[in-house]
Amino acid sequence: MIHMPIIRNEEMKFDKQKFMVSKTDLKGNITFVNQNLCEVSGYDENELIGTPHSILRHPDMPKAIFHLMWKRLLSGRAISSVIKNLAKDGRYYWVVSDLKPNFDKDGNIVSLISFSRSAPNYVIETIEELYQTMLRIENVHNTKRSIDYLEGYLEEKETTYDTFIDELIKPKGIISFLLNAFK
């Protein structure tokens, strides 16, 4: 059994070229991880397989975000999100995760897969304040009120969650210029 690490307020940086992959069953239990996820999280593959994916969830993450992700995935649709994860040694690391359901030949959802990469600083700076507010609401009230806040936040910005995340994670500055130069 794996115990919750002691939280250290120390960010862990990792190679931005590393893509982490995990697969879970429909209850959130890990069935596959790639080596990059093991290296970044600090867990061995055998420590993660069969364990709830929430082992990587940092307590600073609002439950409302995971509620939104699960609702979307179990409805058969993909979703992207920015997530603060917790490493085995108690440090944290931010990722942009693209999650999608996997279907069997009859169209039933059989598993969920996540492709994650390092979140750029400008993404973290934007999302951190929103998440802190949502977490305060959850701590005082409940997850439903946090979801209501997120919906109001998005409505005020006249956007959807998907568009907000897509715009947030879109490359900015010189990186955007360079990527567009190769189109």
C-alpha atoms as a PDB file:
ATOM      1  CA  MET A   1       0.000   0.000   0.000  1.00  0.00           C
ATOM      2  CA  ILE A   2       1.328   3.434  -0.928  1.00  0.00           C
ATOM      3  CA  HIS A   3       0.974   6.255   1.565  1.00  0.00           C
ATOM      4  CA  MET A   4       0.391   9.906   0.789  1.00  0.00           C
ATOM      5  CA  PRO A   5       3.719  11.748   0.641  1.00  0.00           C
ATOM      6  CA  ILE A   6       4.477  14.673   2.908  1.00  0.00           C
ATOM      7  CA  ILE A   7       3.688  17.755   0.825  1.00  0.00           C
ATOM      8  CA  ARG A   8       6.694  19.931   0.030  1.00  0.00           C
ATOM      9  CA  ASN A   9       6.106  23.362  -1.428  1.00  0.00           C
ATOM     10  CA  GLU A  10       8.728  22.739  -4.079  1.00  0.00           C
ATOM     11  CA  GLU A  11       8.075  22.608  -7.787  1.00  0.00           C
ATOM     12  CA  MET A  12       9.695  19.881  -9.758  1.00  0.00           C
ATOM     13  CA  LYS A  13      10.860  20.743 -13.273  1.00  0.00           C
ATOM     14  CA  PHE A  14      11.278  18.084 -15.916  1.00  0.00           C
ATOM     15  CA  ASP A  15      12.203  17.796 -19.567  1.00  0.00           C
ATOM     16  CA  LYS A  16       9.523  19.510 -21.638  1.00  0.00           C
ATOM     17  CA  GLN A  17      10.048  16.828 -24.306  1.00  0.00           C
ATOM     18  CA  LYS A  18       8.808  14.073 -21.973  1.00  0.00           C
ATOM     19  CA  PHE A  19       5.297  12.902 -22.680  1.00  0.00           C
ATOM     20  CA  MET A  20       3.699  10.923 -19.904  1.00  0.00           C
ATOM     21  CA  VAL A  21       1.048   8.333 -20.656  1.00  0.00           C
ATOM     22  CA  SER A  22      -1.301   6.568 -18.291  1.00  0.00           C
ATOM     23  CA  LYS A  23      -4.333   4.370 -18.781  1.00  0.00           C
ATOM     24  CA  THR A  24      -7.021   3.591 -16.216  1.00  0.00           C
ATOM     25  CA  ASP A  25     -10.060   1.414 -15.920  1.00  0.00           C
ATOM     26  CA  LEU A  26     -13.455   3.080 -15.489  1.00  0.00           C
ATOM     27  CA  LYS A  27     -12.973   3.265 -11.722  1.00  0.00           C
ATOM     28  CA  GLY A  28      -9.749   5.270 -12.100  1.00  0.00           C
ATOM     29  CA  ASN A  29      -7.355   2.428 -11.265  1.00  0.00           C
ATOM     30  CA  ILE A  30      -4.115   2.609 -13.231  1.00  0.00           C
ATOM     31  CA  THR A  31      -3.619  -0.207 -15.747  1.00  0.00           C
ATOM     32  CA  PHE A  32      -0.671   1.230 -17.711  1.00  0.00           C
ATOM     33  CA  VAL A  33       2.018   3.889 -17.290  1.00  0.00           C
ATOM     34  CA  ASN A  34       4.950   4.754 -19.509  1.00  0.00           C
ATOM     35  CA  GLN A  35       8.506   5.125 -18.225  1.00  0.00           C
ATOM     36  CA  ASN A  36       8.367   8.940 -18.444  1.00  0.00           C
ATOM     37  CA  LEU A  37       5.500   9.051 -15.952  1.00  0.00           C
ATOM     38  CA  CYS A  38       7.470   6.812 -13.589  1.00  0.00           C
ATOM     39  CA  GLU A  39      10.561   9.007 -13.886  1.00  0.00           C
ATOM     40  CA  VAL A  40       8.689  12.266 -13.287  1.00  0.00           C
ATOM     41  CA  SER A  41       6.388  11.021 -10.514  1.00  0.00           C
ATOM     42  CA  GLY A  42       9.128   9.051  -8.755  1.00  0.00           C
ATOM     43  CA  TYR A  43       7.011   5.889  -8.549  1.00  0.00           C
ATOM     44  CA  ASP A  44       7.978   2.517  -9.985  1.00  0.00           C
ATOM     45  CA  GLU A  45       5.572   0.979 -12.472  1.00  0.00           C
ATOM     46  CA  ASN A  46       4.626  -1.771 -10.008  1.00  0.00           C
ATOM     47  CA  GLU A  47       3.766   0.877  -7.390  1.00  0.00           C
ATOM     48  CA  LEU A  48       1.325   2.574  -9.771  1.00  0.00           C
ATOM     49  CA  ILE A  49      -0.381  -0.328 -11.562  1.00  0.00           C
ATOM     50  CA  GLY A  50      -3.635  -1.175  -9.772  1.00  0.00           C
ATOM     51  CA  THR A  51      -3.503   2.020  -7.713  1.00  0.00           C
ATOM     52  CA  PRO A  52      -6.120   4.781  -8.076  1.00  0.00           C
ATOM     53  CA  HIS A  53      -4.830   7.553 -10.358  1.00  0.00           C
ATOM     54  CA  SER A  54      -5.687   9.958  -7.553  1.00  0.00           C
ATOM     55  CA  ILE A  55      -2.371   8.957  -5.949  1.00  0.00           C
ATOM     56  CA  LEU A  56      -0.890  11.656  -8.202  1.00  0.00           C
ATOM     57  CA  ARG A  57      -3.509  14.281  -7.286  1.00  0.00           C
ATOM     58  CA  HIS A  58      -2.094  17.270  -5.445  1.00  0.00           C
ATOM     59  CA  PRO A  59      -4.376  18.539  -2.655  1.00  0.00           C
ATOM     60  CA  ASP A  60      -4.234  22.038  -4.232  1.00  0.00           C
ATOM     61  CA  MET A  61      -6.351  20.745  -7.139  1.00  0.00           C
ATOM     62  CA  PRO A  62     -10.046  21.571  -6.954  1.00  0.00           C
ATOM     63  CA  LYS A  63     -12.243  18.465  -6.943  1.00  0.00           C
ATOM     64  CA  ALA A  64     -14.533  20.295  -9.368  1.00  0.00           C
ATOM     65  CA  ILE A  65     -11.933  19.944 -12.151  1.00  0.00           C
ATOM     66  CA  PHE A  66     -11.839  16.164 -11.716  1.00  0.00           C
ATOM     67  CA  HIS A  67     -15.637  16.070 -11.541  1.00  0.00           C
ATOM     68  CA  LEU A  68     -15.755  17.906 -14.875  1.00  0.00           C
ATOM     69  CA  MET A  69     -13.126  15.598 -16.404  1.00  0.00           C
ATOM     70  CA  TRP A  70     -14.859  12.384 -15.279  1.00  0.00           C
ATOM     71  CA  LYS A  71     -18.271  13.598 -16.413  1.00  0.00           C
ATOM     72  CA  ARG A  72     -16.891  14.435 -19.858  1.00  0.00           C
ATOM     73  CA  LEU A  73     -14.896  11.226 -20.255  1.00  0.00           C
ATOM     74  CA  LEU A  74     -17.716   8.942 -19.131  1.00  0.00           C
ATOM     75  CA  SER A  75     -20.011  10.668 -21.631  1.00  0.00           C
ATOM     76  CA  GLY A  76     -17.603   9.487 -24.337  1.00  0.00           C
ATOM     77  CA  ARG A  77     -15.874  12.780 -25.065  1.00  0.00           C
ATOM     78  CA  ALA A  78     -12.238  13.870 -24.803  1.00  0.00           C
ATOM     79  CA  ILE A  79     -11.106  16.753 -22.604  1.00  0.00           C
ATOM     80  CA  SER A  80      -7.916  18.706 -21.944  1.00  0.00           C
ATOM     81  CA  SER A  81      -7.027  20.139 -18.571  1.00  0.00           C
ATOM     82  CA  VAL A  82      -4.207  21.710 -16.591  1.00  0.00           C
ATOM     83  CA  ILE A  83      -3.338  19.619 -13.545  1.00  0.00           C
ATOM     84  CA  LYS A  84      -1.059  20.039 -10.553  1.00  0.00           C
ATOM     85  CA  ASN A  85       0.290  16.596  -9.698  1.00  0.00           C
ATOM     86  CA  LEU A  86       2.055  15.264  -6.625  1.00  0.00           C
ATOM     87  CA  ALA A  87       5.303  13.300  -6.919  1.00  0.00           C
ATOM     88  CA  LYS A  88       6.259  10.481  -4.566  1.00  0.00           C
ATOM     89  CA  ASP A  89       8.794  12.726  -2.819  1.00  0.00           C
ATOM     90  CA  GLY A  90       6.127  15.366  -2.044  1.00  0.00           C
ATOM     91  CA  ARG A  91       7.146  17.891  -4.716  1.00  0.00           C
ATOM     92  CA  TYR A  92       4.624  19.050  -7.282  1.00  0.00           C
ATOM     93  CA  TYR A  93       4.634  19.343 -11.050  1.00  0.00           C
ATOM     94  CA  TRP A  94       2.200  20.931 -13.483  1.00  0.00           C
ATOM     95  CA  VAL A  95       1.009  19.202 -16.639  1.00  0.00           C
ATOM     96  CA  VAL A  96      -1.317  19.815 -19.532  1.00  0.00           C
ATOM     97  CA  SER A  97      -3.253  16.579 -19.967  1.00  0.00           C
ATOM     98  CA  ASP A  98      -5.247  15.446 -22.952  1.00  0.00           C
ATOM     99  CA  LEU A  99      -7.624  12.730 -21.821  1.00  0.00           C
ATOM    100  CA  LYS A 100      -9.854  10.512 -23.893  1.00  0.00           C
ATOM    101  CA  PRO A 101     -12.022   7.441 -23.524  1.00  0.00           C
ATOM    102  CA  ASN A 102     -11.167   4.185 -25.323  1.00  0.00           C
ATOM    103  CA  PHE A 103     -14.026   2.181 -26.800  1.00  0.00           C
ATOM    104  CA  ASP A 104     -14.525  -1.494 -27.576  1.00  0.00           C
ATOM    105  CA  LYS A 105     -15.890  -2.703 -30.925  1.00  0.00           C
ATOM    106  CA  ASP A 106     -19.466  -2.217 -29.675  1.00  0.00           C
ATOM    107  CA  GLY A 107     -18.879   1.434 -28.744  1.00  0.00           C
ATOM    108  CA  ASN A 108     -18.692   0.879 -24.988  1.00  0.00           C
ATOM    109  CA  ILE A 109     -16.112   2.836 -23.005  1.00  0.00           C
ATOM    110  CA  VAL A 110     -13.570   0.335 -21.671  1.00  0.00           C
ATOM    111  CA  SER A 111     -10.738   2.538 -20.413  1.00  0.00           C
ATOM    112  CA  LEU A 112      -9.454   6.089 -20.192  1.00  0.00           C
ATOM    113  CA  ILE A 113      -6.092   7.317 -21.432  1.00  0.00           C
ATOM    114  CA  SER A 114      -4.133  10.425 -20.555  1.00  0.00           C
ATOM    115  CA  PHE A 115      -1.296  12.047 -22.499  1.00  0.00           C
ATOM    116  CA  SER A 116       0.455  14.684 -20.381  1.00  0.00           C
ATOM    117  CA  ARG A 117       3.271  17.142 -20.929  1.00  0.00           C
ATOM    118  CA  SER A 118       4.907  19.893 -18.915  1.00  0.00           C
ATOM    119  CA  ALA A 119       2.688  22.959 -18.481  1.00  0.00           C
ATOM    120  CA  PRO A 120       4.333  26.229 -19.583  1.00  0.00           C
ATOM    121  CA  ASN A 121       4.780  28.930 -16.916  1.00  0.00           C
ATOM    122  CA  TYR A 122       2.258  31.290 -18.541  1.00  0.00           C
ATOM    123  CA  VAL A 123      -0.379  28.534 -18.291  1.00  0.00           C
ATOM    124  CA  ILE A 124       0.378  27.895 -14.624  1.00  0.00           C
ATOM    125  CA  GLU A 125       0.279  31.615 -13.795  1.00  0.00           C
ATOM    126  CA  THR A 126      -3.182  31.933 -15.322  1.00  0.00           C
ATOM    127  CA  ILE A 127      -4.743  28.764 -13.953  1.00  0.00           C
ATOM    128  CA  GLU A 128      -3.294  28.857 -10.432  1.00  0.00           C
ATOM    129  CA  GLU A 129      -5.395  31.808  -9.268  1.00  0.00           C
ATOM    130  CA  LEU A 130      -8.582  30.241 -10.650  1.00  0.00           C
ATOM    131  CA  TYR A 131      -7.817  26.927  -8.933  1.00  0.00           C
ATOM    132  CA  GLN A 132      -7.011  28.622  -5.610  1.00  0.00           C
ATOM    133  CA  THR A 133     -10.378  30.393  -5.668  1.00  0.00           C
ATOM    134  CA  MET A 134     -12.214  27.182  -6.572  1.00  0.00           C
ATOM    135  CA  LEU A 135     -10.438  25.292  -3.788  1.00  0.00           C
ATOM    136  CA  ARG A 136     -11.359  27.969  -1.213  1.00  0.00           C
ATOM    137  CA  ILE A 137     -14.995  27.673  -2.306  1.00  0.00           C
ATOM    138  CA  GLU A 138     -14.840  23.875  -1.975  1.00  0.00           C
ATOM    139  CA  ASN A 139     -13.315  24.118   1.480  1.00  0.00           C
ATOM    140  CA  VAL A 140     -16.001  26.518   2.713  1.00  0.00           C
ATOM    141  CA  HIS A 141     -18.981  25.159   0.773  1.00  0.00           C
ATOM    142  CA  ASN A 142     -18.741  22.150  -1.560  1.00  0.00           C
ATOM    143  CA  THR A 143     -17.722  20.924  -5.006  1.00  0.00           C
ATOM    144  CA  LYS A 144     -21.043  21.971  -6.551  1.00  0.00           C
ATOM    145  CA  ARG A 145     -20.447  25.601  -5.552  1.00  0.00           C
ATOM    146  CA  SER A 146     -16.950  25.392  -7.026  1.00  0.00           C
ATOM    147  CA  ILE A 147     -18.414  24.120 -10.306  1.00  0.00           C
ATOM    148  CA  ASP A 148     -20.928  26.986 -10.219  1.00  0.00           C
ATOM    149  CA  TYR A 149     -18.042  29.437  -9.754  1.00  0.00           C
ATOM    150  CA  LEU A 150     -16.160  27.953 -12.718  1.00  0.00           C
ATOM    151  CA  GLU A 151     -19.258  28.184 -14.900  1.00  0.00           C
ATOM    152  CA  GLY A 152     -19.737  31.826 -13.890  1.00  0.00           C
ATOM    153  CA  TYR A 153     -16.061  32.557 -14.534  1.00  0.00           C
ATOM    154  CA  LEU A 154     -16.330  31.099 -18.042  1.00  0.00           C
ATOM    155  CA  GLU A 155     -19.643  32.836 -18.706  1.00  0.00           C
ATOM    156  CA  GLU A 156     -18.117  36.175 -17.708  1.00  0.00           C
ATOM    157  CA  LYS A 157     -15.328  35.539 -20.216  1.00  0.00           C
ATOM    158  CA  GLU A 158     -17.962  34.496 -22.786  1.00  0.00           C
ATOM    159  CA  THR A 159     -16.251  31.182 -23.407  1.00  0.00           C
ATOM    160  CA  THR A 160     -16.562  27.459 -22.790  1.00  0.00           C
ATOM    161  CA  TYR A 161     -14.220  25.310 -20.736  1.00  0.00           C
ATOM    162  CA  ASP A 162     -12.773  23.733 -23.886  1.00  0.00           C
ATOM    163  CA  THR A 163     -12.133  27.062 -25.594  1.00  0.00           C
ATOM    164  CA  PHE A 164     -10.665  28.540 -22.407  1.00  0.00           C
ATOM    165  CA  ILE A 165      -8.201  25.649 -22.044  1.00  0.00           C
ATOM    166  CA  ASP A 166      -7.392  25.569 -25.790  1.00  0.00           C
ATOM    167  CA  GLU A 167      -6.604  29.298 -25.794  1.00  0.00           C
ATOM    168  CA  LEU A 168      -4.659  29.020 -22.549  1.00  0.00           C
ATOM    169  CA  ILE A 169      -2.368  26.211 -23.716  1.00  0.00           C
ATOM    170  CA  LYS A 170      -1.841  27.589 -27.221  1.00  0.00           C
ATOM    171  CA  PRO A 171       1.861  28.453 -27.690  1.00  0.00           C
ATOM    172  CA  LYS A 172       2.627  32.144 -27.157  1.00  0.00           C
ATOM    173  CA  GLY A 173       5.376  34.553 -28.211  1.00  0.00           C
ATOM    174  CA  ILE A 174       8.399  33.346 -30.116  1.00  0.00           C
ATOM    175  CA  ILE A 175       7.330  29.690 -29.855  1.00  0.00           C
ATOM    176  CA  SER A 176       4.045  30.526 -31.580  1.00  0.00           C
ATOM    177  CA  PHE A 177       5.928  32.478 -34.252  1.00  0.00           C
ATOM    178  CA  LEU A 178       8.284  29.568 -34.887  1.00  0.00           C
ATOM    179  CA  LEU A 179       5.501  26.999 -35.027  1.00  0.00           C
ATOM    180  CA  ASN A 180       3.517  29.125 -37.477  1.00  0.00           C
ATOM    181  CA  ALA A 181       6.616  29.596 -39.647  1.00  0.00           C
ATOM    182  CA  PHE A 182       6.623  25.836 -40.350  1.00  0.00           C
ATOM    183  CA  LYS A 183       2.976  25.605 -41.424  1.00  0.00           C
END
